């Protein structure tokens, strides 16, 4: 890993917001999935949740091909499970929905731990999502249409969250755990070795302040050998 790449990755990790996330509930169009993940990366969101409405877990791709490598995507088969996981992190649950109780999205305090539920393109958020959410939010519009594209709505809300958090200084202090930073530094800075570790079942090594791998001689030997040949080293 070059010093420039190492510094770039560290800069990105320093501004990640682990308590700000979105949950895509049944969003199924590839370009929307990709655009949401891309925006999350740009904002500094570290985790994205997705509820799939069928048994086949979908793959995020398209324009997010690079972004998704830097964001952890958590898959759920039920909306209840996703919201329960988010509430377990003490997040306020917001849902984009045009209703009598909805408030202007700019009235929300996004410096609190926050999860934003984005409903399915055609039908919006499900009844269970509306029931379990803490607050409906709406993006005011004065035209003939009553809703924005889901990825556009995501961007609008997240940039307001970023604005508030920047004013509060929440981007000034690194907030990711040491373990997570180490994982991303290794996977992002040494992707070939990371793939080999996953394939061979080797633990990730430490990454030093210069972005270099710190590992034992045995680890390096195993990295260069087939797994079947490890027995001689282990014995």
C-alpha atoms as a PDB file:
ATOM      1  CA  UNK A   1       0.000   0.000   0.000  1.00  0.00           C
ATOM      2  CA  UNK A   2       1.405   3.371  -0.971  1.00  0.00           C
ATOM      3  CA  UNK A   3       1.659   6.104   1.695  1.00  0.00           C
ATOM      4  CA  UNK A   4      -0.833   8.193  -0.289  1.00  0.00           C
ATOM      5  CA  UNK A   5      -3.448   5.431  -0.343  1.00  0.00           C
ATOM      6  CA  UNK A   6      -2.898   4.704   3.338  1.00  0.00           C
ATOM      7  CA  UNK A   7      -3.492   8.343   4.252  1.00  0.00           C
ATOM      8  CA  UNK A   8      -6.577   8.497   2.046  1.00  0.00           C
ATOM      9  CA  UNK A   9      -8.126   5.437   3.698  1.00  0.00           C
ATOM     10  CA  UNK A  10      -7.343   6.804   7.163  1.00  0.00           C
ATOM     11  CA  UNK A  11      -8.909  10.127   6.255  1.00  0.00           C
ATOM     12  CA  UNK A  12     -12.091   8.364   5.139  1.00  0.00           C
ATOM     13  CA  UNK A  13     -12.237   6.200   8.276  1.00  0.00           C
ATOM     14  CA  UNK A  14     -11.682   9.233  10.518  1.00  0.00           C
ATOM     15  CA  UNK A  15     -14.977  10.719   9.308  1.00  0.00           C
ATOM     16  CA  UNK A  16     -17.173   7.627   9.315  1.00  0.00           C
ATOM     17  CA  UNK A  17     -20.464   7.963  11.215  1.00  0.00           C
ATOM     18  CA  UNK A  18     -21.288   4.539  12.707  1.00  0.00           C
ATOM     19  CA  UNK A  19     -24.526   5.805  14.298  1.00  0.00           C
ATOM     20  CA  UNK A  20     -26.068   7.122  11.075  1.00  0.00           C
ATOM     21  CA  UNK A  21     -27.541   4.606   8.647  1.00  0.00           C
ATOM     22  CA  UNK A  22     -30.257   3.881   6.113  1.00  0.00           C
ATOM     23  CA  UNK A  23     -32.441   0.815   5.760  1.00  0.00           C
ATOM     24  CA  UNK A  24     -33.709   0.008   2.275  1.00  0.00           C
ATOM     25  CA  UNK A  25     -36.992  -1.856   2.684  1.00  0.00           C
ATOM     26  CA  UNK A  26     -37.733  -3.761  -0.479  1.00  0.00           C
ATOM     27  CA  UNK A  27     -35.839  -1.365  -2.733  1.00  0.00           C
ATOM     28  CA  UNK A  28     -35.140  -3.611  -5.699  1.00  0.00           C
ATOM     29  CA  UNK A  29     -34.030  -1.573  -8.702  1.00  0.00           C
ATOM     30  CA  UNK A  30     -30.312  -2.018  -9.165  1.00  0.00           C
ATOM     31  CA  UNK A  31     -29.611   1.600 -10.027  1.00  0.00           C
ATOM     32  CA  UNK A  32     -31.420   2.771  -6.881  1.00  0.00           C
ATOM     33  CA  UNK A  33     -29.602   0.297  -4.651  1.00  0.00           C
ATOM     34  CA  UNK A  34     -26.292   1.364  -6.107  1.00  0.00           C
ATOM     35  CA  UNK A  35     -27.068   5.077  -5.842  1.00  0.00           C
ATOM     36  CA  UNK A  36     -28.087   4.804  -2.182  1.00  0.00           C
ATOM     37  CA  UNK A  37     -24.860   3.000  -1.253  1.00  0.00           C
ATOM     38  CA  UNK A  38     -22.814   5.504  -3.235  1.00  0.00           C
ATOM     39  CA  UNK A  39     -24.433   8.421  -1.392  1.00  0.00           C
ATOM     40  CA  UNK A  40     -23.923   6.717   1.971  1.00  0.00           C
ATOM     41  CA  UNK A  41     -20.219   6.392   1.249  1.00  0.00           C
ATOM     42  CA  UNK A  42     -20.025  10.050   0.239  1.00  0.00           C
ATOM     43  CA  UNK A  43     -21.755  11.151   3.461  1.00  0.00           C
ATOM     44  CA  UNK A  44     -19.560   9.000   5.688  1.00  0.00           C
ATOM     45  CA  UNK A  45     -22.132   6.336   6.560  1.00  0.00           C
ATOM     46  CA  UNK A  46     -20.355   3.121   7.531  1.00  0.00           C
ATOM     47  CA  UNK A  47     -23.273   0.649   7.523  1.00  0.00           C
ATOM     48  CA  UNK A  48     -26.304   0.125   5.309  1.00  0.00           C
ATOM     49  CA  UNK A  49     -29.229  -2.200   6.019  1.00  0.00           C
ATOM     50  CA  UNK A  50     -31.413  -3.880   3.413  1.00  0.00           C
ATOM     51  CA  UNK A  51     -34.658  -5.828   3.790  1.00  0.00           C
ATOM     52  CA  UNK A  52     -35.227  -8.168   0.867  1.00  0.00           C
ATOM     53  CA  UNK A  53     -38.783  -9.115  -0.021  1.00  0.00           C
ATOM     54  CA  UNK A  54     -37.880 -12.495  -1.460  1.00  0.00           C
ATOM     55  CA  UNK A  55     -35.668 -15.403  -0.505  1.00  0.00           C
ATOM     56  CA  UNK A  56     -32.985 -14.542  -3.041  1.00  0.00           C
ATOM     57  CA  UNK A  57     -30.572 -12.059  -1.476  1.00  0.00           C
ATOM     58  CA  UNK A  58     -29.678  -9.543  -4.125  1.00  0.00           C
ATOM     59  CA  UNK A  59     -26.242  -8.190  -4.924  1.00  0.00           C
ATOM     60  CA  UNK A  60     -25.523  -4.494  -4.837  1.00  0.00           C
ATOM     61  CA  UNK A  61     -23.752  -3.420  -7.988  1.00  0.00           C
ATOM     62  CA  UNK A  62     -23.867  -0.852 -10.743  1.00  0.00           C
ATOM     63  CA  UNK A  63     -22.530   2.540  -9.793  1.00  0.00           C
ATOM     64  CA  UNK A  64     -21.843   1.328  -6.229  1.00  0.00           C
ATOM     65  CA  UNK A  65     -19.199  -1.136  -7.364  1.00  0.00           C
ATOM     66  CA  UNK A  66     -16.460   0.822  -5.608  1.00  0.00           C
ATOM     67  CA  UNK A  67     -18.525   2.282  -2.761  1.00  0.00           C
ATOM     68  CA  UNK A  68     -19.823  -1.005  -1.377  1.00  0.00           C
ATOM     69  CA  UNK A  69     -16.263  -2.168  -0.692  1.00  0.00           C
ATOM     70  CA  UNK A  70     -16.057   0.506   2.005  1.00  0.00           C
ATOM     71  CA  UNK A  71     -19.487   0.006   3.583  1.00  0.00           C
ATOM     72  CA  UNK A  72     -20.825  -2.951   5.554  1.00  0.00           C
ATOM     73  CA  UNK A  73     -24.179  -4.093   4.117  1.00  0.00           C
ATOM     74  CA  UNK A  74     -26.435  -5.932   6.576  1.00  0.00           C
ATOM     75  CA  UNK A  75     -29.136  -8.106   4.980  1.00  0.00           C
ATOM     76  CA  UNK A  76     -32.479  -8.874   6.633  1.00  0.00           C
ATOM     77  CA  UNK A  77     -35.415 -10.984   5.509  1.00  0.00           C
ATOM     78  CA  UNK A  78     -37.961  -9.196   7.723  1.00  0.00           C
ATOM     79  CA  UNK A  79     -38.542  -5.523   8.445  1.00  0.00           C
ATOM     80  CA  UNK A  80     -39.171  -6.322  12.123  1.00  0.00           C
ATOM     81  CA  UNK A  81     -35.715  -7.857  12.460  1.00  0.00           C
ATOM     82  CA  UNK A  82     -34.027  -4.887  10.806  1.00  0.00           C
ATOM     83  CA  UNK A  83     -35.761  -2.321  12.998  1.00  0.00           C
ATOM     84  CA  UNK A  84     -35.136  -4.379  16.131  1.00  0.00           C
ATOM     85  CA  UNK A  85     -31.417  -4.466  15.296  1.00  0.00           C
ATOM     86  CA  UNK A  86     -31.381  -0.705  14.764  1.00  0.00           C
ATOM     87  CA  UNK A  87     -33.295   0.050  17.954  1.00  0.00           C
ATOM     88  CA  UNK A  88     -30.857  -2.169  19.847  1.00  0.00           C
ATOM     89  CA  UNK A  89     -28.257   0.437  18.858  1.00  0.00           C
ATOM     90  CA  UNK A  90     -30.454   3.145  20.422  1.00  0.00           C
ATOM     91  CA  UNK A  91     -31.224   4.688  17.049  1.00  0.00           C
ATOM     92  CA  UNK A  92     -34.223   6.859  16.339  1.00  0.00           C
ATOM     93  CA  UNK A  93     -36.127   5.291  13.449  1.00  0.00           C
ATOM     94  CA  UNK A  94     -37.315   7.686  10.758  1.00  0.00           C
ATOM     95  CA  UNK A  95     -39.360   6.692   7.730  1.00  0.00           C
ATOM     96  CA  UNK A  96     -39.965   8.719   4.595  1.00  0.00           C
ATOM     97  CA  UNK A  97     -43.745   8.807   4.292  1.00  0.00           C
ATOM     98  CA  UNK A  98     -46.376  11.349   3.294  1.00  0.00           C
ATOM     99  CA  UNK A  99     -48.833  11.299   6.215  1.00  0.00           C
ATOM    100  CA  UNK A 100     -50.730  13.644   8.508  1.00  0.00           C
ATOM    101  CA  UNK A 101     -48.158  13.066  11.259  1.00  0.00           C
ATOM    102  CA  UNK A 102     -45.089  13.546   9.038  1.00  0.00           C
ATOM    103  CA  UNK A 103     -42.765  16.447   9.820  1.00  0.00           C
ATOM    104  CA  UNK A 104     -40.358  18.353   7.598  1.00  0.00           C
ATOM    105  CA  UNK A 105     -37.180  16.270   7.412  1.00  0.00           C
ATOM    106  CA  UNK A 106     -35.149  19.352   8.395  1.00  0.00           C
ATOM    107  CA  UNK A 107     -36.881  19.498  11.792  1.00  0.00           C
ATOM    108  CA  UNK A 108     -35.214  16.281  12.930  1.00  0.00           C
ATOM    109  CA  UNK A 109     -32.127  16.262  15.159  1.00  0.00           C
ATOM    110  CA  UNK A 110     -29.719  14.085  13.176  1.00  0.00           C
ATOM    111  CA  UNK A 111     -26.950  14.406  15.731  1.00  0.00           C
ATOM    112  CA  UNK A 112     -28.796  11.628  17.572  1.00  0.00           C
ATOM    113  CA  UNK A 113     -28.150   8.016  16.488  1.00  0.00           C
ATOM    114  CA  UNK A 114     -30.419   7.790  13.450  1.00  0.00           C
ATOM    115  CA  UNK A 115     -31.713   5.204  10.998  1.00  0.00           C
ATOM    116  CA  UNK A 116     -33.695   6.281   7.925  1.00  0.00           C
ATOM    117  CA  UNK A 117     -36.049   3.746   6.366  1.00  0.00           C
ATOM    118  CA  UNK A 118     -36.481   4.042   2.606  1.00  0.00           C
ATOM    119  CA  UNK A 119     -39.558   2.276   1.257  1.00  0.00           C
ATOM    120  CA  UNK A 120     -40.000   0.280  -1.917  1.00  0.00           C
ATOM    121  CA  UNK A 121     -40.063   2.298  -5.147  1.00  0.00           C
ATOM    122  CA  UNK A 122     -43.733   1.797  -6.059  1.00  0.00           C
ATOM    123  CA  UNK A 123     -45.510   1.244  -2.760  1.00  0.00           C
ATOM    124  CA  UNK A 124     -43.329   3.044  -0.220  1.00  0.00           C
ATOM    125  CA  UNK A 125     -42.708   1.835   3.324  1.00  0.00           C
ATOM    126  CA  UNK A 126     -44.669  -1.136   4.620  1.00  0.00           C
ATOM    127  CA  UNK A 127     -47.340  -0.930   7.312  1.00  0.00           C
ATOM    128  CA  UNK A 128     -45.029  -2.624   9.809  1.00  0.00           C
ATOM    129  CA  UNK A 129     -42.278  -0.082   9.116  1.00  0.00           C
ATOM    130  CA  UNK A 130     -44.725   2.779   9.626  1.00  0.00           C
ATOM    131  CA  UNK A 131     -45.952   1.194  12.844  1.00  0.00           C
ATOM    132  CA  UNK A 132     -42.507   0.614  14.332  1.00  0.00           C
ATOM    133  CA  UNK A 133     -40.876   3.878  13.225  1.00  0.00           C
ATOM    134  CA  UNK A 134     -40.540   6.727  15.703  1.00  0.00           C
ATOM    135  CA  UNK A 135     -41.352   9.464  13.211  1.00  0.00           C
ATOM    136  CA  UNK A 136     -42.571   9.961   9.642  1.00  0.00           C
ATOM    137  CA  UNK A 137     -40.609  12.567   7.710  1.00  0.00           C
ATOM    138  CA  UNK A 138     -41.439  14.318   4.466  1.00  0.00           C
ATOM    139  CA  UNK A 139     -39.500  16.360   1.926  1.00  0.00           C
ATOM    140  CA  UNK A 140     -41.670  19.396   1.072  1.00  0.00           C
ATOM    141  CA  UNK A 141     -42.583  19.716  -2.608  1.00  0.00           C
ATOM    142  CA  UNK A 142     -44.589  22.354  -4.454  1.00  0.00           C
ATOM    143  CA  UNK A 143     -44.901  20.664  -7.841  1.00  0.00           C
ATOM    144  CA  UNK A 144     -47.390  18.158  -9.204  1.00  0.00           C
ATOM    145  CA  UNK A 145     -45.438  15.120  -8.017  1.00  0.00           C
ATOM    146  CA  UNK A 146     -45.674  14.007  -4.391  1.00  0.00           C
ATOM    147  CA  UNK A 147     -42.489  11.995  -4.084  1.00  0.00           C
ATOM    148  CA  UNK A 148     -38.889  11.885  -5.229  1.00  0.00           C
ATOM    149  CA  UNK A 149     -36.944   8.933  -6.537  1.00  0.00           C
ATOM    150  CA  UNK A 150     -35.904   6.865  -3.514  1.00  0.00           C
ATOM    151  CA  UNK A 151     -32.180   7.425  -4.067  1.00  0.00           C
ATOM    152  CA  UNK A 152     -32.715  11.174  -4.511  1.00  0.00           C
ATOM    153  CA  UNK A 153     -34.763  11.326  -1.299  1.00  0.00           C
ATOM    154  CA  UNK A 154     -31.992   9.450   0.477  1.00  0.00           C
ATOM    155  CA  UNK A 155     -29.427  11.997  -0.698  1.00  0.00           C
ATOM    156  CA  UNK A 156     -31.521  14.979   0.360  1.00  0.00           C
ATOM    157  CA  UNK A 157     -32.066  13.652   3.895  1.00  0.00           C
ATOM    158  CA  UNK A 158     -28.510  12.443   4.385  1.00  0.00           C
ATOM    159  CA  UNK A 159     -26.975  15.740   3.352  1.00  0.00           C
ATOM    160  CA  UNK A 160     -29.105  17.496   5.962  1.00  0.00           C
ATOM    161  CA  UNK A 161     -27.840  14.955   8.504  1.00  0.00           C
ATOM    162  CA  UNK A 162     -24.273  15.652   7.386  1.00  0.00           C
ATOM    163  CA  UNK A 163     -24.796  19.414   7.672  1.00  0.00           C
ATOM    164  CA  UNK A 164     -26.039  19.121  11.248  1.00  0.00           C
ATOM    165  CA  UNK A 165     -23.297  16.718  12.265  1.00  0.00           C
ATOM    166  CA  UNK A 166     -20.565  18.861  10.768  1.00  0.00           C
ATOM    167  CA  UNK A 167     -21.831  21.878  12.694  1.00  0.00           C
ATOM    168  CA  UNK A 168     -21.786  19.736  15.844  1.00  0.00           C
ATOM    169  CA  UNK A 169     -18.172  18.669  15.189  1.00  0.00           C
ATOM    170  CA  UNK A 170     -19.093  15.010  14.766  1.00  0.00           C
ATOM    171  CA  UNK A 171     -16.781  14.637  11.754  1.00  0.00           C
ATOM    172  CA  UNK A 172     -13.793  15.992  13.618  1.00  0.00           C
ATOM    173  CA  UNK A 173     -13.079  13.000  15.875  1.00  0.00           C
ATOM    174  CA  UNK A 174     -12.622   9.391  14.659  1.00  0.00           C
ATOM    175  CA  UNK A 175     -15.504   7.226  15.877  1.00  0.00           C
ATOM    176  CA  UNK A 176     -14.932   3.761  14.414  1.00  0.00           C
ATOM    177  CA  UNK A 177     -13.553   1.045  16.685  1.00  0.00           C
ATOM    178  CA  UNK A 178      -9.891   0.092  16.419  1.00  0.00           C
ATOM    179  CA  UNK A 179     -10.830  -3.420  15.237  1.00  0.00           C
ATOM    180  CA  UNK A 180     -12.996  -2.120  12.431  1.00  0.00           C
ATOM    181  CA  UNK A 181     -10.385   0.391  11.311  1.00  0.00           C
ATOM    182  CA  UNK A 182      -7.798  -2.390  11.176  1.00  0.00           C
ATOM    183  CA  UNK A 183     -10.097  -4.584   9.082  1.00  0.00           C
ATOM    184  CA  UNK A 184     -10.844  -1.852   6.556  1.00  0.00           C
ATOM    185  CA  UNK A 185      -7.195  -0.771   6.375  1.00  0.00           C
ATOM    186  CA  UNK A 186      -6.197  -4.342   5.548  1.00  0.00           C
ATOM    187  CA  UNK A 187      -9.010  -5.091   3.107  1.00  0.00           C
ATOM    188  CA  UNK A 188      -8.737  -1.715   1.390  1.00  0.00           C
ATOM    189  CA  UNK A 189      -4.975  -1.418   1.427  1.00  0.00           C
ATOM    190  CA  UNK A 190      -4.018  -5.038   0.782  1.00  0.00           C
ATOM    191  CA  UNK A 191      -6.984  -6.555  -1.115  1.00  0.00           C
ATOM    192  CA  UNK A 192      -4.990  -9.458  -2.598  1.00  0.00           C
ATOM    193  CA  UNK A 193      -3.775 -10.573   0.831  1.00  0.00           C
ATOM    194  CA  UNK A 194      -7.269 -10.051   2.272  1.00  0.00           C
ATOM    195  CA  UNK A 195      -8.792 -12.325  -0.372  1.00  0.00           C
ATOM    196  CA  UNK A 196      -6.137 -14.935   0.351  1.00  0.00           C
ATOM    197  CA  UNK A 197      -6.877 -14.769   4.085  1.00  0.00           C
ATOM    198  CA  UNK A 198     -10.570 -15.314   3.438  1.00  0.00           C
ATOM    199  CA  UNK A 199      -9.866 -18.209   1.088  1.00  0.00           C
ATOM    200  CA  UNK A 200      -7.349 -19.911   3.356  1.00  0.00           C
ATOM    201  CA  UNK A 201      -8.990 -19.137   6.671  1.00  0.00           C
ATOM    202  CA  UNK A 202      -6.063 -17.076   7.934  1.00  0.00           C
ATOM    203  CA  UNK A 203      -6.644 -14.319  10.495  1.00  0.00           C
ATOM    204  CA  UNK A 204      -6.100 -10.755   9.391  1.00  0.00           C
ATOM    205  CA  UNK A 205      -2.750  -9.326  10.549  1.00  0.00           C
ATOM    206  CA  UNK A 206      -2.182  -5.955  12.173  1.00  0.00           C
ATOM    207  CA  UNK A 207      -1.574  -2.865  10.044  1.00  0.00           C
ATOM    208  CA  UNK A 208       1.026  -0.424  11.375  1.00  0.00           C
ATOM    209  CA  UNK A 209       1.032   3.369  11.268  1.00  0.00           C
ATOM    210  CA  UNK A 210       2.655   3.297   7.831  1.00  0.00           C
ATOM    211  CA  UNK A 211       0.030   0.958   6.394  1.00  0.00           C
ATOM    212  CA  UNK A 212       2.314  -2.068   6.317  1.00  0.00           C
ATOM    213  CA  UNK A 213       1.441  -5.611   7.384  1.00  0.00           C
ATOM    214  CA  UNK A 214       2.739  -6.747  10.773  1.00  0.00           C
ATOM    215  CA  UNK A 215       2.626 -10.545  10.920  1.00  0.00           C
ATOM    216  CA  UNK A 216       4.598 -13.523  12.222  1.00  0.00           C
ATOM    217  CA  UNK A 217       6.926 -15.619  10.079  1.00  0.00           C
ATOM    218  CA  UNK A 218       4.426 -18.476  10.324  1.00  0.00           C
ATOM    219  CA  UNK A 219       1.662 -16.253   8.923  1.00  0.00           C
ATOM    220  CA  UNK A 220       3.846 -15.300   5.967  1.00  0.00           C
ATOM    221  CA  UNK A 221       4.772 -18.936   5.365  1.00  0.00           C
ATOM    222  CA  UNK A 222       1.116 -19.991   5.370  1.00  0.00           C
ATOM    223  CA  UNK A 223       0.271 -17.151   3.021  1.00  0.00           C
ATOM    224  CA  UNK A 224       2.695 -18.604   0.478  1.00  0.00           C
ATOM    225  CA  UNK A 225       1.594 -22.231   0.880  1.00  0.00           C
ATOM    226  CA  UNK A 226      -1.460 -24.328   0.152  1.00  0.00           C
ATOM    227  CA  UNK A 227      -3.603 -24.971   3.195  1.00  0.00           C
ATOM    228  CA  UNK A 228      -2.901 -28.698   2.911  1.00  0.00           C
ATOM    229  CA  UNK A 229       0.776 -28.023   3.605  1.00  0.00           C
ATOM    230  CA  UNK A 230       0.163 -26.173   6.863  1.00  0.00           C
ATOM    231  CA  UNK A 231       0.338 -29.307   8.970  1.00  0.00           C
ATOM    232  CA  UNK A 232       4.124 -29.415   8.829  1.00  0.00           C
ATOM    233  CA  UNK A 233       4.316 -25.832  10.136  1.00  0.00           C
ATOM    234  CA  UNK A 234       1.708 -26.333  12.851  1.00  0.00           C
ATOM    235  CA  UNK A 235       3.461 -29.428  14.084  1.00  0.00           C
END
